[in-house]
Amino acid sequence: MTTDPDQTEGAKGKSNRRVVIACSAFVASMLGVSYAAVPLYELFCQVTGYGGTIQRAEQMSDTILDRTIKVRFDANVASGLPWDFKPAQREIEVRIGETIQIGYAAQNISETTTMGQATFNVTPMAAGAYFNKVQCFCFTETELKPGETMDMPVLFFVDPAIVEAAETKNIDAITLSYTFFPHEAEKPVAAVAAPVQDNKTL
């Protein structure tokens, strides 16, 4: 019994198309997972304070203790971003539970418009679950024109519960640290190429 070459070629073509479609679907799903991973990780850190991540607060604390704590401010710029970035003051002493506003300032020292995005954390890391920010510029895409300076306020308070936990009750100083990284405008994900059609007539 002889095999029809056209039928064999057609079967191979269908098999190849199925492989291409399956691979394209896999790549698309992996891209979706990778894009979702970053915001999900950020959400996890913000909820748990993991890695010294600051908590988000919708309202200010209604309890203010007589005990004070020092808060130091750190500013960093990653390579590739031509900015001068610094806090208005390096250290303050605040009452635990008191809502305080401090400021950072960033200046583009290059001759081109650039965009940056800041990440943040606090040390010691155990304090992250008790450092609440009401207003912050973190995770916001910031664009600066050549020579432009922007003031960046931060409104925060230290949760009074910090004095109750065994691992944090003796903390007397917290460092709030921001790092600005270069940020490029998002580009649309290239559409997955359609499978090549077999022009042969079966």
N, C-alpha and C. Protein backbone atom coordinates (compact mmCIF):
# COMPACT_ATOMS: atom_id res chain seq x y z
N MET A 1 0.86 -1.20 0.00
CA MET A 1 0.00 0.00 0.00
C MET A 1 0.88 1.24 0.00
N THR A 2 0.67 2.13 -0.96
CA THR A 2 1.48 3.34 -1.07
C THR A 2 0.81 4.50 -0.37
N THR A 3 1.65 5.42 0.18
CA THR A 3 1.14 6.60 0.88
C THR A 3 1.12 7.78 -0.06
N ASP A 4 0.00 8.50 -0.10
CA ASP A 4 -0.13 9.67 -0.96
C ASP A 4 0.77 10.77 -0.43
N PRO A 5 1.78 11.24 -1.22
CA PRO A 5 2.70 12.30 -0.74
C PRO A 5 1.98 13.58 -0.35
N ASP A 6 0.91 13.92 -1.09
CA ASP A 6 0.19 15.15 -0.78
C ASP A 6 -0.50 15.06 0.58
N GLN A 7 -1.06 13.86 0.88
CA GLN A 7 -1.72 13.68 2.17
C GLN A 7 -0.70 13.75 3.31
N THR A 8 0.47 13.12 3.09
CA THR A 8 1.53 13.15 4.12
C THR A 8 1.99 14.58 4.37
N GLU A 9 2.18 15.33 3.28
CA GLU A 9 2.63 16.72 3.42
C GLU A 9 1.56 17.56 4.12
N GLY A 10 0.29 17.32 3.80
CA GLY A 10 -0.79 18.06 4.43
C GLY A 10 -0.88 17.77 5.91
N ALA A 11 -0.69 16.51 6.29
CA ALA A 11 -0.72 16.14 7.71
C ALA A 11 0.40 16.82 8.47
N LYS A 12 1.58 16.86 7.84
CA LYS A 12 2.72 17.54 8.49
C LYS A 12 2.43 19.02 8.67
N GLY A 13 1.80 19.63 7.65
CA GLY A 13 1.49 21.05 7.73
C GLY A 13 0.53 21.35 8.87
N LYS A 14 -0.51 20.49 9.01
CA LYS A 14 -1.47 20.68 10.11
C LYS A 14 -0.78 20.50 11.46
N SER A 15 0.10 19.53 11.55
CA SER A 15 0.83 19.28 12.81
C SER A 15 1.71 20.47 13.16
N ASN A 16 2.38 21.03 12.15
CA ASN A 16 3.25 22.20 12.39
C ASN A 16 2.45 23.40 12.85
N ARG A 17 1.27 23.59 12.27
CA ARG A 17 0.42 24.71 12.66
C ARG A 17 -0.03 24.57 14.11
N ARG A 18 -0.37 23.33 14.50
CA ARG A 18 -0.78 23.10 15.88
C ARG A 18 0.35 23.42 16.85
N VAL A 19 1.59 23.03 16.47
CA VAL A 19 2.75 23.31 17.32
C VAL A 19 2.98 24.81 17.45
N VAL A 20 2.86 25.54 16.32
CA VAL A 20 3.06 26.99 16.33
C VAL A 20 2.01 27.67 17.21
N ILE A 21 0.73 27.24 17.07
CA ILE A 21 -0.34 27.84 17.87
C ILE A 21 -0.13 27.56 19.35
N ALA A 22 0.26 26.32 19.68
CA ALA A 22 0.49 25.96 21.09
C ALA A 22 1.63 26.77 21.68
N CYS A 23 2.73 26.90 20.93
CA CYS A 23 3.89 27.67 21.42
C CYS A 23 3.53 29.14 21.59
N SER A 24 2.76 29.69 20.63
CA SER A 24 2.35 31.10 20.71
C SER A 24 1.49 31.34 21.94
N ALA A 25 0.56 30.40 22.21
CA ALA A 25 -0.30 30.54 23.39
C ALA A 25 0.52 30.47 24.67
N PHE A 26 1.52 29.59 24.69
CA PHE A 26 2.37 29.46 25.88
C PHE A 26 3.16 30.74 26.14
N VAL A 27 3.75 31.30 25.07
CA VAL A 27 4.53 32.54 25.20
C VAL A 27 3.63 33.67 25.69
N ALA A 28 2.42 33.78 25.11
CA ALA A 28 1.50 34.84 25.52
C ALA A 28 1.11 34.70 26.98
N SER A 29 0.88 33.47 27.43
CA SER A 29 0.49 33.27 28.84
C SER A 29 1.64 33.60 29.78
N MET A 30 2.87 33.27 29.37
CA MET A 30 4.04 33.59 30.19
C MET A 30 4.25 35.10 30.29
N LEU A 31 3.99 35.82 29.19
CA LEU A 31 4.09 37.28 29.22
C LEU A 31 3.07 37.85 30.20
N GLY A 32 1.86 37.31 30.17
CA GLY A 32 0.82 37.77 31.09
C GLY A 32 1.21 37.54 32.53
N VAL A 33 1.76 36.37 32.83
CA VAL A 33 2.19 36.05 34.19
C VAL A 33 3.30 36.98 34.64
N SER A 34 4.27 37.25 33.74
CA SER A 34 5.40 38.11 34.13
C SER A 34 4.94 39.53 34.41
N TYR A 35 3.98 40.04 33.63
CA TYR A 35 3.47 41.39 33.88
C TYR A 35 2.68 41.45 35.18
N ALA A 36 1.98 40.37 35.52
CA ALA A 36 1.18 40.35 36.74
C ALA A 36 2.04 40.15 37.97
N ALA A 37 3.22 39.52 37.82
CA ALA A 37 4.05 39.17 38.97
C ALA A 37 4.49 40.40 39.75
N VAL A 38 4.91 41.46 39.04
CA VAL A 38 5.44 42.65 39.72
C VAL A 38 4.38 43.32 40.59
N PRO A 39 3.19 43.68 40.03
CA PRO A 39 2.19 44.31 40.91
C PRO A 39 1.71 43.39 42.03
N LEU A 40 1.65 42.08 41.78
CA LEU A 40 1.23 41.16 42.84
C LEU A 40 2.25 41.11 43.95
N TYR A 41 3.55 41.12 43.59
CA TYR A 41 4.59 41.12 44.60
C TYR A 41 4.57 42.42 45.39
N GLU A 42 4.37 43.54 44.69
CA GLU A 42 4.29 44.83 45.38
C GLU A 42 3.13 44.83 46.36
N LEU A 43 1.98 44.28 45.93
CA LEU A 43 0.81 44.23 46.80
C LEU A 43 1.09 43.38 48.03
N PHE A 44 1.75 42.23 47.82
CA PHE A 44 2.08 41.35 48.93
C PHE A 44 2.97 42.08 49.94
N CYS A 45 3.98 42.78 49.45
CA CYS A 45 4.90 43.50 50.34
C CYS A 45 4.19 44.61 51.10
N GLN A 46 3.28 45.32 50.40
CA GLN A 46 2.59 46.43 51.04
C GLN A 46 1.63 45.96 52.12
N VAL A 47 1.04 44.78 51.93
CA VAL A 47 0.10 44.25 52.91
C VAL A 47 0.82 43.68 54.12
N THR A 48 1.96 43.01 53.87
CA THR A 48 2.64 42.29 54.95
C THR A 48 3.81 43.05 55.55
N GLY A 49 4.32 44.08 54.85
CA GLY A 49 5.53 44.75 55.32
C GLY A 49 6.78 43.95 55.03
N TYR A 50 6.67 42.92 54.16
CA TYR A 50 7.81 42.05 53.84
C TYR A 50 8.94 42.87 53.23
N GLY A 51 10.17 42.58 53.67
CA GLY A 51 11.34 43.26 53.14
C GLY A 51 11.42 44.73 53.49
N GLY A 52 10.75 45.12 54.57
CA GLY A 52 10.80 46.53 54.98
C GLY A 52 9.88 47.42 54.17
N THR A 53 8.92 46.83 53.47
CA THR A 53 8.01 47.63 52.67
C THR A 53 7.03 48.39 53.55
N ILE A 54 6.88 49.68 53.28
CA ILE A 54 6.00 50.55 54.03
C ILE A 54 4.54 50.20 53.78
N GLN A 55 3.70 50.42 54.78
CA GLN A 55 2.27 50.18 54.65
C GLN A 55 1.55 51.42 54.11
N ARG A 56 0.47 51.21 53.38
CA ARG A 56 -0.36 52.32 52.92
C ARG A 56 -1.49 52.53 53.91
N ALA A 57 -1.78 53.78 54.21
CA ALA A 57 -2.85 54.10 55.16
C ALA A 57 -3.84 55.04 54.50
N GLU A 58 -5.12 54.75 54.67
CA GLU A 58 -6.16 55.60 54.11
C GLU A 58 -6.46 56.79 55.01
N GLN A 59 -6.17 56.66 56.29
CA GLN A 59 -6.43 57.76 57.22
C GLN A 59 -5.31 57.84 58.26
N MET A 60 -5.24 58.97 58.93
CA MET A 60 -4.19 59.20 59.91
C MET A 60 -4.49 58.45 61.21
N SER A 61 -3.46 58.27 62.01
CA SER A 61 -3.62 57.58 63.28
C SER A 61 -4.41 58.46 64.26
N ASP A 62 -5.28 57.83 65.04
CA ASP A 62 -6.04 58.59 66.04
C ASP A 62 -5.44 58.42 67.43
N THR A 63 -4.26 57.77 67.50
CA THR A 63 -3.57 57.59 68.78
C THR A 63 -2.14 58.11 68.65
N ILE A 64 -1.75 58.98 69.56
CA ILE A 64 -0.39 59.52 69.57
C ILE A 64 0.22 59.26 70.94
N LEU A 65 1.36 58.60 70.94
CA LEU A 65 2.02 58.26 72.20
C LEU A 65 2.97 59.36 72.65
N ASP A 66 3.33 59.32 73.93
CA ASP A 66 4.34 60.26 74.43
C ASP A 66 5.75 59.85 74.00
N ARG A 67 5.90 58.63 73.62
CA ARG A 67 7.21 58.12 73.21
C ARG A 67 7.57 58.60 71.81
N THR A 68 8.83 58.95 71.60
CA THR A 68 9.29 59.43 70.29
C THR A 68 10.20 58.41 69.63
N ILE A 69 10.38 58.59 68.33
CA ILE A 69 11.26 57.73 67.55
C ILE A 69 11.94 58.58 66.47
N LYS A 70 13.19 58.29 66.18
CA LYS A 70 13.90 59.02 65.13
C LYS A 70 13.60 58.39 63.77
N VAL A 71 13.42 59.25 62.77
CA VAL A 71 13.22 58.78 61.40
C VAL A 71 14.27 59.46 60.52
N ARG A 72 15.09 58.64 59.89
CA ARG A 72 16.13 59.14 58.99
C ARG A 72 15.68 58.96 57.54
N PHE A 73 16.16 59.84 56.67
CA PHE A 73 15.73 59.82 55.27
C PHE A 73 16.92 59.64 54.35
N ASP A 74 16.79 58.68 53.45
CA ASP A 74 17.87 58.32 52.53
C ASP A 74 17.37 58.46 51.10
N ALA A 75 18.25 58.89 50.19
CA ALA A 75 17.87 59.07 48.79
C ALA A 75 18.96 58.51 47.88
N ASN A 76 18.53 57.74 46.88
CA ASN A 76 19.47 57.12 45.95
C ASN A 76 18.95 57.21 44.53
N VAL A 77 19.89 57.23 43.57
CA VAL A 77 19.53 57.24 42.15
C VAL A 77 20.32 56.13 41.47
N ALA A 78 19.62 55.26 40.77
CA ALA A 78 20.28 54.16 40.07
C ALA A 78 21.02 54.69 38.85
N SER A 79 22.03 53.95 38.42
CA SER A 79 22.80 54.35 37.25
C SER A 79 21.89 54.41 36.03
N GLY A 80 22.15 55.36 35.17
CA GLY A 80 21.35 55.53 33.97
C GLY A 80 20.28 56.60 34.09
N LEU A 81 20.11 57.14 35.29
CA LEU A 81 19.14 58.22 35.48
C LEU A 81 19.88 59.47 35.95
N PRO A 82 20.00 60.49 35.11
CA PRO A 82 20.80 61.69 35.44
C PRO A 82 20.04 62.67 36.32
N TRP A 83 19.71 62.25 37.53
CA TRP A 83 18.97 63.09 38.45
C TRP A 83 19.77 63.35 39.72
N ASP A 84 19.49 64.50 40.31
CA ASP A 84 19.96 64.81 41.67
C ASP A 84 18.73 64.65 42.56
N PHE A 85 18.82 63.77 43.54
CA PHE A 85 17.66 63.43 44.35
C PHE A 85 18.08 63.41 45.82
N LYS A 86 17.36 64.17 46.66
CA LYS A 86 17.75 64.25 48.07
C LYS A 86 16.57 64.66 48.95
N PRO A 87 16.63 64.32 50.24
CA PRO A 87 15.57 64.73 51.17
C PRO A 87 15.80 66.17 51.63
N ALA A 88 14.71 66.83 52.04
CA ALA A 88 14.82 68.19 52.54
C ALA A 88 15.57 68.21 53.87
N GLN A 89 15.45 67.15 54.65
CA GLN A 89 16.17 67.03 55.92
C GLN A 89 16.55 65.56 56.12
N ARG A 90 17.65 65.34 56.79
CA ARG A 90 18.19 63.99 56.91
C ARG A 90 17.58 63.19 58.07
N GLU A 91 17.09 63.88 59.10
CA GLU A 91 16.59 63.17 60.27
C GLU A 91 15.63 64.05 61.05
N ILE A 92 14.58 63.44 61.58
CA ILE A 92 13.68 64.15 62.47
C ILE A 92 13.30 63.21 63.62
N GLU A 93 12.78 63.77 64.68
CA GLU A 93 12.29 62.97 65.79
C GLU A 93 10.80 63.24 65.93
N VAL A 94 10.00 62.17 65.89
CA VAL A 94 8.54 62.33 65.90
C VAL A 94 7.93 61.51 67.02
N ARG A 95 6.75 61.91 67.46
CA ARG A 95 6.00 61.11 68.42
C ARG A 95 5.34 59.96 67.66
N ILE A 96 5.37 58.79 68.26
CA ILE A 96 4.79 57.62 67.61
C ILE A 96 3.28 57.81 67.49
N GLY A 97 2.77 57.66 66.25
CA GLY A 97 1.36 57.89 65.96
C GLY A 97 1.09 59.26 65.37
N GLU A 98 2.05 60.18 65.48
CA GLU A 98 1.88 61.54 64.96
C GLU A 98 2.10 61.54 63.44
N THR A 99 1.19 62.19 62.71
CA THR A 99 1.31 62.28 61.26
C THR A 99 2.21 63.46 60.89
N ILE A 100 3.22 63.17 60.10
CA ILE A 100 4.24 64.16 59.75
C ILE A 100 4.40 64.24 58.24
N GLN A 101 4.64 65.43 57.72
CA GLN A 101 4.96 65.60 56.30
C GLN A 101 6.41 66.04 56.16
N ILE A 102 7.13 65.31 55.32
CA ILE A 102 8.51 65.71 54.99
C ILE A 102 8.60 65.81 53.46
N GLY A 103 9.72 66.25 52.96
CA GLY A 103 9.83 66.42 51.53
C GLY A 103 11.13 65.90 50.95
N TYR A 104 11.04 65.44 49.71
CA TYR A 104 12.20 65.11 48.90
C TYR A 104 12.17 66.03 47.69
N ALA A 105 13.30 66.17 47.00
CA ALA A 105 13.34 66.96 45.78
C ALA A 105 14.21 66.25 44.76
N ALA A 106 13.74 66.25 43.50
CA ALA A 106 14.49 65.63 42.41
C ALA A 106 14.70 66.66 41.31
N GLN A 107 15.90 66.66 40.72
CA GLN A 107 16.21 67.56 39.62
C GLN A 107 16.86 66.78 38.48
N ASN A 108 16.38 67.04 37.29
CA ASN A 108 16.99 66.44 36.09
C ASN A 108 18.19 67.29 35.70
N ILE A 109 19.38 66.74 35.83
CA ILE A 109 20.60 67.51 35.55
C ILE A 109 21.15 67.23 34.15
N SER A 110 20.33 66.58 33.31
CA SER A 110 20.75 66.31 31.94
C SER A 110 20.13 67.31 30.99
N GLU A 111 20.42 67.17 29.71
CA GLU A 111 19.90 68.08 28.70
C GLU A 111 18.74 67.46 27.92
N THR A 112 18.23 66.35 28.41
CA THR A 112 17.09 65.70 27.77
C THR A 112 16.02 65.38 28.80
N THR A 113 14.80 65.25 28.35
CA THR A 113 13.70 64.87 29.23
C THR A 113 13.87 63.40 29.62
N THR A 114 13.77 63.11 30.89
CA THR A 114 13.92 61.73 31.37
C THR A 114 12.79 61.38 32.33
N MET A 115 12.59 60.08 32.51
CA MET A 115 11.51 59.61 33.36
C MET A 115 12.06 58.62 34.38
N GLY A 116 11.61 58.75 35.62
CA GLY A 116 12.06 57.85 36.67
C GLY A 116 10.89 57.32 37.49
N GLN A 117 11.16 56.27 38.22
CA GLN A 117 10.16 55.68 39.10
C GLN A 117 10.86 55.21 40.37
N ALA A 118 10.28 55.51 41.53
CA ALA A 118 10.93 55.24 42.81
C ALA A 118 10.38 53.99 43.48
N THR A 119 11.28 53.24 44.10
CA THR A 119 10.90 52.18 45.03
C THR A 119 11.34 52.61 46.41
N PHE A 120 10.88 51.91 47.44
CA PHE A 120 11.19 52.36 48.80
C PHE A 120 11.21 51.19 49.76
N ASN A 121 11.82 51.38 50.89
CA ASN A 121 11.73 50.43 52.00
C ASN A 121 12.17 51.12 53.27
N VAL A 122 12.02 50.44 54.39
CA VAL A 122 12.50 50.98 55.66
C VAL A 122 13.40 49.94 56.33
N THR A 123 14.32 50.42 57.12
CA THR A 123 15.13 49.55 57.97
C THR A 123 15.08 50.11 59.39
N PRO A 124 15.11 49.22 60.38
CA PRO A 124 15.13 47.76 60.25
C PRO A 124 13.87 47.23 59.60
N MET A 125 14.01 46.07 58.91
CA MET A 125 12.90 45.56 58.12
C MET A 125 11.66 45.26 58.95
N ALA A 126 11.85 44.89 60.21
CA ALA A 126 10.71 44.57 61.06
C ALA A 126 9.79 45.78 61.25
N ALA A 127 10.33 46.98 61.05
CA ALA A 127 9.54 48.19 61.23
C ALA A 127 8.64 48.48 60.04
N GLY A 128 8.85 47.79 58.92
CA GLY A 128 8.06 48.05 57.72
C GLY A 128 6.57 47.90 57.92
N ALA A 129 6.18 46.95 58.76
CA ALA A 129 4.76 46.71 58.99
C ALA A 129 4.11 47.82 59.82
N TYR A 130 4.91 48.72 60.40
CA TYR A 130 4.38 49.77 61.29
C TYR A 130 4.62 51.17 60.75
N PHE A 131 5.29 51.27 59.60
CA PHE A 131 5.55 52.58 59.00
C PHE A 131 4.48 52.81 57.94
N ASN A 132 3.56 53.72 58.22
CA ASN A 132 2.40 53.95 57.36
C ASN A 132 2.53 55.25 56.59
N LYS A 133 2.40 55.17 55.29
CA LYS A 133 2.42 56.40 54.48
C LYS A 133 1.00 56.73 54.02
N VAL A 134 0.63 57.97 54.20
CA VAL A 134 -0.68 58.46 53.77
C VAL A 134 -0.58 59.04 52.37
N GLN A 135 0.57 59.66 52.08
CA GLN A 135 0.82 60.24 50.75
C GLN A 135 2.27 60.00 50.40
N CYS A 136 2.50 59.62 49.12
CA CYS A 136 3.86 59.27 48.73
C CYS A 136 3.98 59.32 47.21
N PHE A 137 5.19 59.56 46.71
CA PHE A 137 5.42 59.60 45.27
C PHE A 137 5.92 58.26 44.73
N CYS A 138 6.02 57.26 45.59
CA CYS A 138 6.57 55.97 45.19
C CYS A 138 5.69 55.28 44.14
N PHE A 139 6.32 54.55 43.26
CA PHE A 139 5.66 53.79 42.19
C PHE A 139 4.91 54.69 41.22
N THR A 140 5.19 55.99 41.24
CA THR A 140 4.58 56.91 40.29
C THR A 140 5.61 57.26 39.22
N GLU A 141 5.22 57.16 37.97
CA GLU A 141 6.12 57.52 36.87
C GLU A 141 6.30 59.03 36.87
N THR A 142 7.53 59.48 37.04
CA THR A 142 7.81 60.91 37.15
C THR A 142 8.67 61.36 35.98
N GLU A 143 8.19 62.37 35.25
CA GLU A 143 8.93 62.89 34.10
C GLU A 143 9.47 64.28 34.44
N LEU A 144 10.76 64.48 34.17
CA LEU A 144 11.39 65.78 34.40
C LEU A 144 12.05 66.27 33.12
N LYS A 145 11.79 67.52 32.79
CA LYS A 145 12.43 68.14 31.63
C LYS A 145 13.84 68.58 32.00
N PRO A 146 14.67 68.91 31.04
CA PRO A 146 16.05 69.32 31.34
C PRO A 146 16.10 70.45 32.37
N GLY A 147 16.80 70.23 33.47
CA GLY A 147 16.95 71.25 34.51
C GLY A 147 15.75 71.38 35.43
N GLU A 148 14.67 70.67 35.18
CA GLU A 148 13.46 70.81 35.99
C GLU A 148 13.65 70.18 37.38
N THR A 149 13.10 70.85 38.39
CA THR A 149 13.12 70.34 39.77
C THR A 149 11.69 70.11 40.24
N MET A 150 11.49 69.02 40.97
CA MET A 150 10.16 68.72 41.47
C MET A 150 10.23 68.40 42.97
N ASP A 151 9.34 69.04 43.74
CA ASP A 151 9.23 68.74 45.17
C ASP A 151 8.29 67.54 45.34
N MET A 152 8.67 66.63 46.23
CA MET A 152 7.93 65.38 46.41
C MET A 152 7.63 65.17 47.89
N PRO A 153 6.42 65.49 48.32
CA PRO A 153 6.06 65.34 49.73
C PRO A 153 5.78 63.89 50.11
N VAL A 154 6.03 63.58 51.37
CA VAL A 154 5.70 62.27 51.93
C VAL A 154 4.99 62.52 53.26
N LEU A 155 3.80 61.95 53.40
CA LEU A 155 3.01 62.10 54.62
C LEU A 155 2.94 60.73 55.28
N PHE A 156 3.39 60.63 56.53
CA PHE A 156 3.49 59.32 57.16
C PHE A 156 3.27 59.39 58.66
N PHE A 157 3.08 58.22 59.26
CA PHE A 157 3.10 58.09 60.72
C PHE A 157 3.58 56.69 61.08
N VAL A 158 4.11 56.55 62.29
CA VAL A 158 4.55 55.26 62.80
C VAL A 158 3.43 54.70 63.66
N ASP A 159 2.96 53.52 63.32
CA ASP A 159 1.84 52.89 64.03
C ASP A 159 2.20 52.66 65.50
N PRO A 160 1.35 53.13 66.44
CA PRO A 160 1.63 52.91 67.86
C PRO A 160 1.81 51.44 68.23
N ALA A 161 1.29 50.53 67.42
CA ALA A 161 1.43 49.09 67.71
C ALA A 161 2.88 48.64 67.67
N ILE A 162 3.79 49.48 67.15
CA ILE A 162 5.20 49.12 67.08
C ILE A 162 5.79 48.88 68.47
N VAL A 163 5.21 49.52 69.49
CA VAL A 163 5.76 49.37 70.84
C VAL A 163 5.25 48.11 71.55
N GLU A 164 4.34 47.40 70.90
CA GLU A 164 3.75 46.22 71.53
C GLU A 164 4.42 44.92 71.10
N ALA A 165 4.90 44.85 69.87
CA ALA A 165 5.51 43.61 69.36
C ALA A 165 6.90 43.42 69.95
N ALA A 166 7.22 42.19 70.31
CA ALA A 166 8.51 41.90 70.94
C ALA A 166 9.68 42.27 70.05
N GLU A 167 9.53 42.06 68.74
CA GLU A 167 10.64 42.30 67.82
C GLU A 167 10.82 43.76 67.44
N THR A 168 9.87 44.63 67.81
CA THR A 168 9.98 46.05 67.42
C THR A 168 9.90 47.02 68.60
N LYS A 169 9.55 46.57 69.77
CA LYS A 169 9.30 47.49 70.89
C LYS A 169 10.54 48.27 71.30
N ASN A 170 11.73 47.77 71.00
CA ASN A 170 12.96 48.47 71.38
C ASN A 170 13.59 49.28 70.24
N ILE A 171 12.93 49.33 69.09
CA ILE A 171 13.45 50.12 67.97
C ILE A 171 13.32 51.60 68.30
N ASP A 172 14.41 52.33 68.18
CA ASP A 172 14.38 53.77 68.48
C ASP A 172 14.70 54.64 67.28
N ALA A 173 14.98 54.00 66.12
CA ALA A 173 15.28 54.77 64.90
C ALA A 173 14.87 53.94 63.68
N ILE A 174 14.30 54.61 62.69
CA ILE A 174 13.89 53.99 61.43
C ILE A 174 14.47 54.80 60.28
N THR A 175 14.96 54.12 59.26
CA THR A 175 15.46 54.80 58.07
C THR A 175 14.51 54.54 56.91
N LEU A 176 14.00 55.61 56.33
CA LEU A 176 13.16 55.54 55.14
C LEU A 176 14.04 55.78 53.92
N SER A 177 14.09 54.83 53.02
CA SER A 177 15.00 54.91 51.88
C SER A 177 14.25 54.82 50.56
N TYR A 178 14.54 55.76 49.65
CA TYR A 178 13.97 55.75 48.30
C TYR A 178 15.09 55.60 47.28
N THR A 179 14.81 54.87 46.21
CA THR A 179 15.73 54.78 45.09
C THR A 179 14.96 55.02 43.81
N PHE A 180 15.42 55.98 43.00
CA PHE A 180 14.81 56.25 41.70
C PHE A 180 15.54 55.47 40.62
N PHE A 181 14.77 54.81 39.77
CA PHE A 181 15.31 54.04 38.66
C PHE A 181 14.85 54.65 37.34
N PRO A 182 15.64 54.48 36.26
CA PRO A 182 15.17 54.96 34.95
C PRO A 182 13.89 54.23 34.58
N HIS A 183 13.00 54.94 33.93
CA HIS A 183 11.73 54.33 33.52
C HIS A 183 11.43 54.75 32.10
N GLU A 184 11.14 53.78 31.25
CA GLU A 184 10.78 54.06 29.86
C GLU A 184 9.29 53.91 29.69
N ALA A 185 8.74 54.71 28.80
CA ALA A 185 7.30 54.61 28.51
C ALA A 185 7.00 53.21 28.02
N GLU A 186 5.88 52.67 28.47
CA GLU A 186 5.52 51.31 28.10
C GLU A 186 5.24 51.21 26.61
N LYS A 187 5.75 50.14 26.03
CA LYS A 187 5.51 49.88 24.61
C LYS A 187 4.50 48.73 24.50
N PRO A 188 3.63 48.80 23.50
CA PRO A 188 2.65 47.70 23.36
C PRO A 188 3.34 46.39 23.07
N VAL A 189 2.84 45.32 23.68
CA VAL A 189 3.41 44.01 23.43
C VAL A 189 3.12 43.62 22.00
N ALA A 190 4.15 43.17 21.27
CA ALA A 190 3.99 42.81 19.87
C ALA A 190 2.97 41.68 19.75
N ALA A 191 2.12 41.82 18.79
CA ALA A 191 1.10 40.80 18.58
C ALA A 191 1.76 39.49 18.18
N VAL A 192 1.23 38.40 18.66
CA VAL A 192 1.77 37.10 18.31
C VAL A 192 1.51 36.85 16.84
N ALA A 193 2.56 36.47 16.11
CA ALA A 193 2.45 36.27 14.67
C ALA A 193 1.45 35.17 14.36
N ALA A 194 0.63 35.42 13.35
CA ALA A 194 -0.36 34.40 12.96
C ALA A 194 0.35 33.24 12.32
N PRO A 195 -0.12 32.01 12.51
CA PRO A 195 0.54 30.86 11.92
C PRO A 195 0.53 30.94 10.40
N VAL A 196 1.61 30.48 9.79
CA VAL A 196 1.74 30.51 8.33
C VAL A 196 0.76 29.52 7.72
N GLN A 197 0.01 29.99 6.78
CA GLN A 197 -0.97 29.13 6.12
C GLN A 197 -0.30 28.28 5.06
N ASP A 198 -0.71 27.06 4.98
CA ASP A 198 -0.19 26.15 3.97
C ASP A 198 -0.96 26.39 2.67
N ASN A 199 -0.25 26.87 1.65
CA ASN A 199 -0.91 27.20 0.39
C ASN A 199 -1.19 25.99 -0.48
N LYS A 200 -0.69 24.87 -0.03
CA LYS A 200 -0.91 23.68 -0.86
C LYS A 200 -2.36 23.24 -0.78
N THR A 201 -2.86 22.81 -1.87
CA THR A 201 -4.21 22.28 -1.91
C THR A 201 -4.17 20.81 -1.55
N LEU A 202 -4.93 20.45 -0.51
CA LEU A 202 -4.92 19.06 -0.06
C LEU A 202 -5.78 18.22 -1.00
